[in-house]
Amino acid sequence: MKGGEMNKSLCINTTICSEYQRLREDCESALEIWDEHRAEVSVSRLVGREAGDELLRLQAKFARAYAVLQRHSQDCLLCQLASNMEGRDSENSSNAVSDSAMYV
């Protein structure tokens, strides 16, 4: 999936389902915090059990948030509708490209 298509799908999901938007923001926040702490540990060359435990805790928090987001998008009727709409748009645009290629 190309970046533009992914952004379009994401836009459809977040426009239609506010719960998806909230879960996505939670997931992005958890990822950002985990990344920041990884960078801090790397730059300061922190070692030890506490630093490692904190990184594992933050990684687990991100993994849980991501799993909840994925589960929601599979269980939510609005998100499924948005996904189906995106799939049709994607199919139509690829058909248009292949149709125009036949006439070149």
N, C-alpha and C. Protein backbone atom coordinates (compact mmCIF):
# COMPACT_ATOMS: atom_id res chain seq x y z
N MET A 1 0.85 -1.17 0.00
CA MET A 1 0.00 0.00 0.00
C MET A 1 0.90 1.24 0.00
N LYS A 2 0.62 2.15 -0.87
CA LYS A 2 1.40 3.37 -0.97
C LYS A 2 1.00 4.33 0.12
N GLY A 3 1.90 5.29 0.44
CA GLY A 3 1.65 6.26 1.49
C GLY A 3 0.36 7.02 1.30
N GLY A 4 0.07 7.45 0.09
CA GLY A 4 -1.16 8.20 -0.18
C GLY A 4 -2.40 7.37 0.09
N GLU A 5 -2.35 6.09 -0.30
CA GLU A 5 -3.49 5.21 -0.06
C GLU A 5 -3.67 4.97 1.43
N MET A 6 -2.56 4.78 2.15
CA MET A 6 -2.65 4.56 3.58
C MET A 6 -3.22 5.79 4.28
N ASN A 7 -2.77 6.97 3.89
CA ASN A 7 -3.28 8.20 4.49
C ASN A 7 -4.76 8.36 4.21
N LYS A 8 -5.19 7.98 3.00
CA LYS A 8 -6.60 8.07 2.63
C LYS A 8 -7.42 7.14 3.51
N SER A 9 -6.95 5.91 3.71
CA SER A 9 -7.64 4.95 4.55
C SER A 9 -7.70 5.45 5.99
N LEU A 10 -6.60 5.95 6.47
CA LEU A 10 -6.53 6.48 7.82
C LEU A 10 -7.49 7.64 7.98
N CYS A 11 -7.55 8.50 6.99
CA CYS A 11 -8.44 9.66 7.02
C CYS A 11 -9.90 9.20 7.07
N ILE A 12 -10.24 8.20 6.30
CA ILE A 12 -11.61 7.69 6.29
C ILE A 12 -11.95 7.11 7.66
N ASN A 13 -11.06 6.29 8.22
CA ASN A 13 -11.32 5.69 9.53
C ASN A 13 -11.49 6.74 10.61
N THR A 14 -10.59 7.73 10.65
CA THR A 14 -10.65 8.71 11.72
C THR A 14 -11.83 9.66 11.55
N THR A 15 -12.26 9.88 10.32
CA THR A 15 -13.43 10.73 10.08
C THR A 15 -14.70 10.03 10.53
N ILE A 16 -14.80 8.76 10.27
CA ILE A 16 -16.01 8.01 10.55
C ILE A 16 -16.09 7.56 12.02
N CYS A 17 -14.98 7.15 12.62
CA CYS A 17 -15.02 6.53 13.94
C CYS A 17 -14.15 7.29 14.94
N SER A 18 -14.77 7.96 15.87
CA SER A 18 -14.03 8.73 16.87
C SER A 18 -13.26 7.82 17.82
N GLU A 19 -13.75 6.63 18.07
CA GLU A 19 -13.03 5.68 18.94
C GLU A 19 -11.73 5.24 18.28
N TYR A 20 -11.77 5.01 16.97
CA TYR A 20 -10.55 4.67 16.23
C TYR A 20 -9.54 5.81 16.36
N GLN A 21 -10.00 7.03 16.22
CA GLN A 21 -9.13 8.20 16.34
C GLN A 21 -8.47 8.24 17.71
N ARG A 22 -9.26 8.02 18.77
CA ARG A 22 -8.72 8.05 20.13
C ARG A 22 -7.69 6.95 20.34
N LEU A 23 -8.02 5.73 19.89
CA LEU A 23 -7.10 4.61 20.04
C LEU A 23 -5.82 4.82 19.23
N ARG A 24 -5.96 5.40 18.05
CA ARG A 24 -4.80 5.70 17.22
C ARG A 24 -3.89 6.71 17.91
N GLU A 25 -4.48 7.73 18.51
CA GLU A 25 -3.69 8.73 19.24
C GLU A 25 -2.99 8.11 20.44
N ASP A 26 -3.68 7.21 21.15
CA ASP A 26 -3.05 6.50 22.27
C ASP A 26 -1.86 5.68 21.79
N CYS A 27 -2.03 5.01 20.67
CA CYS A 27 -0.97 4.18 20.10
C CYS A 27 0.22 5.03 19.69
N GLU A 28 -0.04 6.14 19.00
CA GLU A 28 1.04 7.03 18.57
C GLU A 28 1.77 7.63 19.77
N SER A 29 1.04 7.98 20.80
CA SER A 29 1.64 8.54 22.01
C SER A 29 2.56 7.52 22.69
N ALA A 30 2.08 6.29 22.81
CA ALA A 30 2.88 5.23 23.43
C ALA A 30 4.15 4.98 22.63
N LEU A 31 4.05 4.99 21.30
CA LEU A 31 5.22 4.79 20.45
C LEU A 31 6.21 5.94 20.61
N GLU A 32 5.70 7.15 20.65
CA GLU A 32 6.56 8.32 20.78
C GLU A 32 7.32 8.30 22.11
N ILE A 33 6.63 7.96 23.19
CA ILE A 33 7.28 7.90 24.51
C ILE A 33 8.34 6.81 24.53
N TRP A 34 8.01 5.65 23.97
CA TRP A 34 8.98 4.55 23.93
C TRP A 34 10.21 4.96 23.12
N ASP A 35 9.99 5.58 21.95
CA ASP A 35 11.10 6.04 21.11
C ASP A 35 11.97 7.07 21.83
N GLU A 36 11.34 8.00 22.53
CA GLU A 36 12.10 9.02 23.26
C GLU A 36 12.98 8.39 24.34
N HIS A 37 12.43 7.44 25.07
CA HIS A 37 13.21 6.78 26.12
C HIS A 37 14.34 5.93 25.54
N ARG A 38 14.06 5.28 24.41
CA ARG A 38 15.14 4.51 23.76
C ARG A 38 16.27 5.43 23.36
N ALA A 39 15.92 6.59 22.82
CA ALA A 39 16.95 7.56 22.41
C ALA A 39 17.73 8.06 23.63
N GLU A 40 17.05 8.35 24.73
CA GLU A 40 17.72 8.79 25.94
C GLU A 40 18.70 7.74 26.45
N VAL A 41 18.26 6.50 26.47
CA VAL A 41 19.12 5.41 26.94
C VAL A 41 20.32 5.27 26.01
N SER A 42 20.09 5.38 24.73
CA SER A 42 21.17 5.24 23.76
C SER A 42 22.18 6.37 23.89
N VAL A 43 21.70 7.60 23.98
CA VAL A 43 22.60 8.76 24.05
C VAL A 43 23.38 8.77 25.36
N SER A 44 22.71 8.49 26.45
CA SER A 44 23.37 8.54 27.75
C SER A 44 24.09 7.25 28.09
N ARG A 45 23.93 6.26 27.21
CA ARG A 45 24.55 4.95 27.39
C ARG A 45 24.21 4.33 28.75
N LEU A 46 22.95 4.54 29.14
CA LEU A 46 22.48 3.95 30.38
C LEU A 46 22.45 2.43 30.24
N VAL A 47 22.88 1.78 31.26
CA VAL A 47 22.81 0.32 31.30
C VAL A 47 22.24 -0.07 32.65
N GLY A 48 21.84 -1.25 32.74
CA GLY A 48 21.33 -1.73 34.01
C GLY A 48 19.90 -2.20 33.90
N ARG A 49 19.52 -2.82 34.97
CA ARG A 49 18.21 -3.44 35.02
C ARG A 49 17.09 -2.41 34.96
N GLU A 50 17.22 -1.31 35.66
CA GLU A 50 16.16 -0.30 35.68
C GLU A 50 15.88 0.27 34.30
N ALA A 51 16.95 0.63 33.58
CA ALA A 51 16.77 1.18 32.23
C ALA A 51 16.13 0.15 31.31
N GLY A 52 16.59 -1.07 31.38
CA GLY A 52 16.04 -2.14 30.55
C GLY A 52 14.59 -2.44 30.89
N ASP A 53 14.28 -2.47 32.18
CA ASP A 53 12.91 -2.73 32.61
C ASP A 53 11.96 -1.64 32.14
N GLU A 54 12.43 -0.39 32.23
CA GLU A 54 11.59 0.72 31.79
C GLU A 54 11.31 0.64 30.28
N LEU A 55 12.33 0.32 29.50
CA LEU A 55 12.14 0.18 28.05
C LEU A 55 11.18 -0.96 27.73
N LEU A 56 11.32 -2.06 28.44
CA LEU A 56 10.40 -3.18 28.22
C LEU A 56 8.97 -2.82 28.60
N ARG A 57 8.80 -2.07 29.68
CA ARG A 57 7.47 -1.64 30.10
C ARG A 57 6.84 -0.74 29.04
N LEU A 58 7.64 0.20 28.50
CA LEU A 58 7.13 1.11 27.48
C LEU A 58 6.84 0.38 26.17
N GLN A 59 7.67 -0.59 25.84
CA GLN A 59 7.44 -1.39 24.64
C GLN A 59 6.13 -2.18 24.78
N ALA A 60 5.91 -2.75 25.96
CA ALA A 60 4.68 -3.51 26.20
C ALA A 60 3.46 -2.60 26.15
N LYS A 61 3.61 -1.39 26.66
CA LYS A 61 2.50 -0.44 26.62
C LYS A 61 2.13 -0.11 25.17
N PHE A 62 3.15 0.11 24.33
CA PHE A 62 2.89 0.36 22.91
C PHE A 62 2.24 -0.86 22.26
N ALA A 63 2.77 -2.05 22.54
CA ALA A 63 2.23 -3.28 21.93
C ALA A 63 0.76 -3.46 22.30
N ARG A 64 0.41 -3.19 23.57
CA ARG A 64 -0.99 -3.30 23.99
C ARG A 64 -1.87 -2.29 23.25
N ALA A 65 -1.39 -1.05 23.16
CA ALA A 65 -2.16 -0.01 22.47
C ALA A 65 -2.37 -0.37 21.00
N TYR A 66 -1.33 -0.89 20.37
CA TYR A 66 -1.43 -1.28 18.97
C TYR A 66 -2.41 -2.44 18.80
N ALA A 67 -2.35 -3.42 19.71
CA ALA A 67 -3.26 -4.57 19.63
C ALA A 67 -4.71 -4.13 19.81
N VAL A 68 -4.95 -3.20 20.74
CA VAL A 68 -6.31 -2.70 20.96
C VAL A 68 -6.81 -1.98 19.71
N LEU A 69 -5.95 -1.18 19.08
CA LEU A 69 -6.31 -0.48 17.85
C LEU A 69 -6.66 -1.47 16.74
N GLN A 70 -5.83 -2.48 16.56
CA GLN A 70 -6.08 -3.48 15.53
C GLN A 70 -7.37 -4.25 15.80
N ARG A 71 -7.57 -4.64 17.05
CA ARG A 71 -8.79 -5.39 17.41
C ARG A 71 -10.02 -4.52 17.17
N HIS A 72 -9.93 -3.25 17.54
CA HIS A 72 -11.06 -2.35 17.32
C HIS A 72 -11.39 -2.25 15.83
N SER A 73 -10.37 -2.06 15.00
CA SER A 73 -10.62 -1.89 13.57
C SER A 73 -11.23 -3.14 12.94
N GLN A 74 -11.00 -4.29 13.55
CA GLN A 74 -11.59 -5.54 13.04
C GLN A 74 -13.00 -5.76 13.57
N ASP A 75 -13.29 -5.24 14.78
CA ASP A 75 -14.58 -5.48 15.42
C ASP A 75 -15.61 -4.37 15.18
N CYS A 76 -15.14 -3.18 14.86
CA CYS A 76 -16.03 -2.02 14.73
C CYS A 76 -16.69 -1.99 13.34
N LEU A 77 -18.01 -1.90 13.33
CA LEU A 77 -18.73 -1.87 12.06
C LEU A 77 -18.40 -0.63 11.25
N LEU A 78 -18.23 0.51 11.92
CA LEU A 78 -17.87 1.74 11.20
C LEU A 78 -16.51 1.62 10.55
N CYS A 79 -15.55 1.05 11.28
CA CYS A 79 -14.20 0.88 10.72
C CYS A 79 -14.20 -0.12 9.57
N GLN A 80 -15.02 -1.17 9.68
CA GLN A 80 -15.13 -2.13 8.59
C GLN A 80 -15.73 -1.48 7.35
N LEU A 81 -16.73 -0.62 7.56
CA LEU A 81 -17.34 0.12 6.45
C LEU A 81 -16.29 1.00 5.79
N ALA A 82 -15.52 1.71 6.60
CA ALA A 82 -14.47 2.58 6.06
C ALA A 82 -13.44 1.78 5.29
N SER A 83 -13.07 0.63 5.82
CA SER A 83 -12.10 -0.23 5.16
C SER A 83 -12.64 -0.74 3.83
N ASN A 84 -13.92 -1.10 3.81
CA ASN A 84 -14.55 -1.55 2.56
C ASN A 84 -14.60 -0.43 1.54
N MET A 85 -14.91 0.79 2.00
CA MET A 85 -14.94 1.94 1.10
C MET A 85 -13.56 2.19 0.51
N GLU A 86 -12.54 2.10 1.34
CA GLU A 86 -11.17 2.31 0.89
C GLU A 86 -10.77 1.23 -0.11
N GLY A 87 -11.19 0.00 0.16
CA GLY A 87 -10.88 -1.11 -0.75
C GLY A 87 -11.50 -0.93 -2.11
N ARG A 88 -12.73 -0.43 -2.14
CA ARG A 88 -13.39 -0.17 -3.43
C ARG A 88 -12.70 0.94 -4.18
N ASP A 89 -12.32 2.01 -3.47
CA ASP A 89 -11.61 3.12 -4.11
C ASP A 89 -10.30 2.64 -4.69
N SER A 90 -9.60 1.80 -3.94
CA SER A 90 -8.32 1.27 -4.38
C SER A 90 -8.51 0.39 -5.61
N GLU A 91 -9.54 -0.43 -5.59
CA GLU A 91 -9.83 -1.32 -6.71
C GLU A 91 -10.20 -0.51 -7.95
N ASN A 92 -11.02 0.51 -7.77
CA ASN A 92 -11.43 1.36 -8.89
C ASN A 92 -10.24 2.09 -9.50
N SER A 93 -9.34 2.60 -8.66
CA SER A 93 -8.19 3.34 -9.20
C SER A 93 -7.23 2.39 -9.92
N SER A 94 -7.06 1.16 -9.42
CA SER A 94 -6.18 0.22 -10.12
C SER A 94 -6.82 -0.25 -11.41
N ASN A 95 -8.14 -0.38 -11.46
CA ASN A 95 -8.82 -0.72 -12.71
C ASN A 95 -8.67 0.39 -13.73
N ALA A 96 -8.75 1.64 -13.28
CA ALA A 96 -8.60 2.78 -14.17
C ALA A 96 -7.21 2.80 -14.76
N VAL A 97 -6.21 2.49 -13.95
CA VAL A 97 -4.82 2.46 -14.45
C VAL A 97 -4.66 1.36 -15.47
N SER A 98 -5.19 0.17 -15.19
CA SER A 98 -5.02 -0.93 -16.14
C SER A 98 -5.83 -0.68 -17.40
N ASP A 99 -7.00 -0.04 -17.29
CA ASP A 99 -7.80 0.29 -18.48
C ASP A 99 -7.07 1.30 -19.36
N SER A 100 -6.47 2.30 -18.75
CA SER A 100 -5.76 3.31 -19.55
C SER A 100 -4.50 2.71 -20.17
N ALA A 101 -3.90 1.71 -19.52
CA ALA A 101 -2.71 1.09 -20.07
C ALA A 101 -3.03 0.31 -21.34
N MET A 102 -4.26 -0.21 -21.42
CA MET A 102 -4.65 -0.97 -22.60
C MET A 102 -4.69 -0.08 -23.84
N TYR A 103 -4.93 1.20 -23.69
CA TYR A 103 -5.08 2.09 -24.83
C TYR A 103 -3.81 2.82 -25.18
N VAL A 104 -2.72 2.56 -24.47
CA VAL A 104 -1.47 3.26 -24.76
C VAL A 104 -0.76 2.61 -25.90
